C-alpha atoms as a PDB file:
ATOM      1  CA  LYS A   1     -25.928   0.063 -30.491  1.00  0.00           C
ATOM      2  CA  ALA A   2     -27.752  -0.143 -27.439  1.00  0.00           C
ATOM      3  CA  ASP A   3     -25.866  -3.277 -26.335  1.00  0.00           C
ATOM      4  CA  LEU A   4     -22.549  -1.473 -26.985  1.00  0.00           C
ATOM      5  CA  ASP A   5     -23.645   1.550 -24.802  1.00  0.00           C
ATOM      6  CA  ALA A   6     -24.702  -0.835 -22.190  1.00  0.00           C
ATOM      7  CA  ALA A   7     -21.604  -2.543 -22.158  1.00  0.00           C
ATOM      8  CA  ILE A   8     -19.382   0.504 -22.236  1.00  0.00           C
ATOM      9  CA  ALA A   9     -21.352   1.901 -19.314  1.00  0.00           C
ATOM     10  CA  LYS A  10     -20.807  -1.381 -17.356  1.00  0.00           C
ATOM     11  CA  LEU A  11     -17.011  -1.075 -17.913  1.00  0.00           C
ATOM     12  CA  LYS A  12     -16.942   2.369 -16.793  1.00  0.00           C
ATOM     13  CA  ASP A  13     -18.581   1.262 -13.540  1.00  0.00           C
ATOM     14  CA  LEU A  14     -16.160  -1.428 -13.277  1.00  0.00           C
ATOM     15  CA  LYS A  15     -13.265   0.582 -13.897  1.00  0.00           C
ATOM     16  CA  ALA A  16     -14.443   3.307 -11.405  1.00  0.00           C
ATOM     17  CA  ASP A  17     -14.978   0.257  -8.748  1.00  0.00           C
ATOM     18  CA  LEU A  18     -11.448  -1.082  -9.371  1.00  0.00           C
ATOM     19  CA  ALA A  19      -9.889   2.339  -8.829  1.00  0.00           C
ATOM     20  CA  GLU A  20     -11.769   2.576  -5.444  1.00  0.00           C
ATOM     21  CA  LYS A  21     -10.559  -0.799  -4.506  1.00  0.00           C
ATOM     22  CA  GLN A  22      -7.000   0.279  -5.446  1.00  0.00           C
ATOM     23  CA  LYS A  23      -6.981   3.345  -3.300  1.00  0.00           C
ATOM     24  CA  ALA A  24      -8.030   1.643  -0.380  1.00  0.00           C
ATOM     25  CA  PHE A  25      -5.655  -1.125  -0.552  1.00  0.00           C
ATOM     26  CA  GLU A  26      -2.977   1.664  -1.193  1.00  0.00           C
ATOM     27  CA  GLU A  27      -4.294   3.247   1.843  1.00  0.00           C
ATOM     28  CA  ALA A  28      -4.105   0.133   3.967  1.00  0.00           C
ATOM     29  CA  VAL A  29      -0.839  -1.062   2.761  1.00  0.00           C
ATOM     30  CA  GLY A  30       1.576   1.305   1.030  1.00  0.00           C
ATOM     31  CA  GLY A  31       2.314   4.949   1.407  1.00  0.00           C
ATOM     32  CA  GLY A  32       5.007   6.868   3.164  1.00  0.00           C
ATOM     33  CA  SER A  33       3.409   7.610   6.485  1.00  0.00           C
ATOM     34  CA  LYS A  34       4.268   5.653   9.737  1.00  0.00           C
ATOM     35  CA  ALA A  35       0.694   4.421   9.874  1.00  0.00           C
ATOM     36  CA  ALA A  36       1.098   2.857   6.453  1.00  0.00           C
ATOM     37  CA  ALA A  37       4.451   1.435   7.321  1.00  0.00           C
ATOM     38  CA  VAL A  38       2.684  -0.393  10.473  1.00  0.00           C
ATOM     39  CA  ASN A  39      -0.157  -1.591   8.136  1.00  0.00           C
ATOM     40  CA  LYS A  40       2.553  -2.961   5.841  1.00  0.00           C
ATOM     41  CA  GLU A  41       4.362  -4.860   8.616  1.00  0.00           C
ATOM     42  CA  ALA A  42       1.082  -6.311   9.694  1.00  0.00           C
ATOM     43  CA  PHE A  43       0.131  -7.333   6.106  1.00  0.00           C
ATOM     44  CA  ARG A  44       3.509  -8.919   5.774  1.00  0.00           C
ATOM     45  CA  ALA A  45       3.091 -10.760   9.045  1.00  0.00           C
ATOM     46  CA  ALA A  46      -0.295 -11.866   8.197  1.00  0.00           C
ATOM     47  CA  LEU A  47       0.975 -13.154   4.654  1.00  0.00           C
ATOM     48  CA  ASN A  48       3.818 -15.076   6.434  1.00  0.00           C
ATOM     49  CA  ALA A  49       1.538 -16.866   8.846  1.00  0.00           C
ATOM     50  CA  ILE A  50      -0.827 -17.856   6.125  1.00  0.00           C
ATOM     51  CA  LEU A  51       2.154 -19.312   3.865  1.00  0.00           C
ATOM     52  CA  GLN A  52       3.262 -21.358   6.943  1.00  0.00           C
ATOM     53  CA  ARG A  53      -0.165 -22.133   8.012  1.00  0.00           C
ATOM     54  CA  ARG A  54      -0.917 -23.721   4.389  1.00  0.00           C
ATOM     55  CA  ALA A  55       2.673 -25.098   4.256  1.00  0.00           C
ATOM     56  CA  PHE A  56       3.935 -23.113   1.059  1.00  0.00           C
ATOM     57  CA  VAL A  57       7.192 -22.314   2.954  1.00  0.00           C
ATOM     58  CA  LEU A  58       8.295 -23.687   6.605  1.00  0.00           C
ATOM     59  CA  PRO A  59      11.097 -22.444   8.843  1.00  0.00           C
ATOM     60  CA  ALA A  60      13.568 -25.068   8.220  1.00  0.00           C
ATOM     61  CA  PHE A  61      14.701 -26.299  11.757  1.00  0.00           C
ATOM     62  CA  ALA A  62      11.668 -24.855  13.704  1.00  0.00           C
ATOM     63  CA  ILE A  63      10.718 -28.300  15.463  1.00  0.00           C
ATOM     64  CA  TYR A  64      14.257 -28.553  16.522  1.00  0.00           C
ATOM     65  CA  GLY A  65      14.783 -24.884  17.913  1.00  0.00           C
ATOM     66  CA  GLY A  66      17.493 -24.577  15.417  1.00  0.00           C
ATOM     67  CA  VAL A  67      18.847 -21.927  12.916  1.00  0.00           C
ATOM     68  CA  ALA A  68      16.499 -19.142  12.207  1.00  0.00           C
ATOM     69  CA  GLY A  69      16.208 -17.328   8.399  1.00  0.00           C
ATOM     70  CA  LEU A  70      16.360 -20.606   6.738  1.00  0.00           C
ATOM     71  CA  TYR A  71      13.091 -22.032   4.861  1.00  0.00           C
ATOM     72  CA  ASP A  72      12.138 -25.157   3.361  1.00  0.00           C
ATOM     73  CA  TYR A  73       9.263 -25.320   0.724  1.00  0.00           C
ATOM     74  CA  GLY A  74       6.335 -27.601   1.511  1.00  0.00           C
ATOM     75  CA  PRO A  75       4.391 -29.297  -1.215  1.00  0.00           C
ATOM     76  CA  PRO A  76       2.375 -26.619  -2.443  1.00  0.00           C
ATOM     77  CA  GLY A  77       5.542 -24.318  -2.381  1.00  0.00           C
ATOM     78  CA  CYS A  78       7.399 -26.758  -4.592  1.00  0.00           C
ATOM     79  CA  ALA A  79       4.556 -27.044  -7.128  1.00  0.00           C
ATOM     80  CA  VAL A  80       4.577 -23.241  -7.448  1.00  0.00           C
ATOM     81  CA  LYS A  81       8.290 -23.060  -7.618  1.00  0.00           C
ATOM     82  CA  SER A  82       8.309 -25.754 -10.371  1.00  0.00           C
ATOM     83  CA  ASN A  83       5.706 -24.017 -12.417  1.00  0.00           C
END
């Protein structure tokens, strides 16, 4: 019984911690205010930069200065898409 009570208390602590982290994430990314929209755009730009840096997606004709808006999958992106 003591082990069960300890496990329940630990789960409640983890649940409270998760709720705090979700709230902080929503404040940083989501919401309806103008500041939240700016944070959302910053998050999107950072995610796009990471995906390009790690070659998940690459602008199709970036090295030639060509068409914008077309993307190729890099090797990691192809692996993710196939699974």
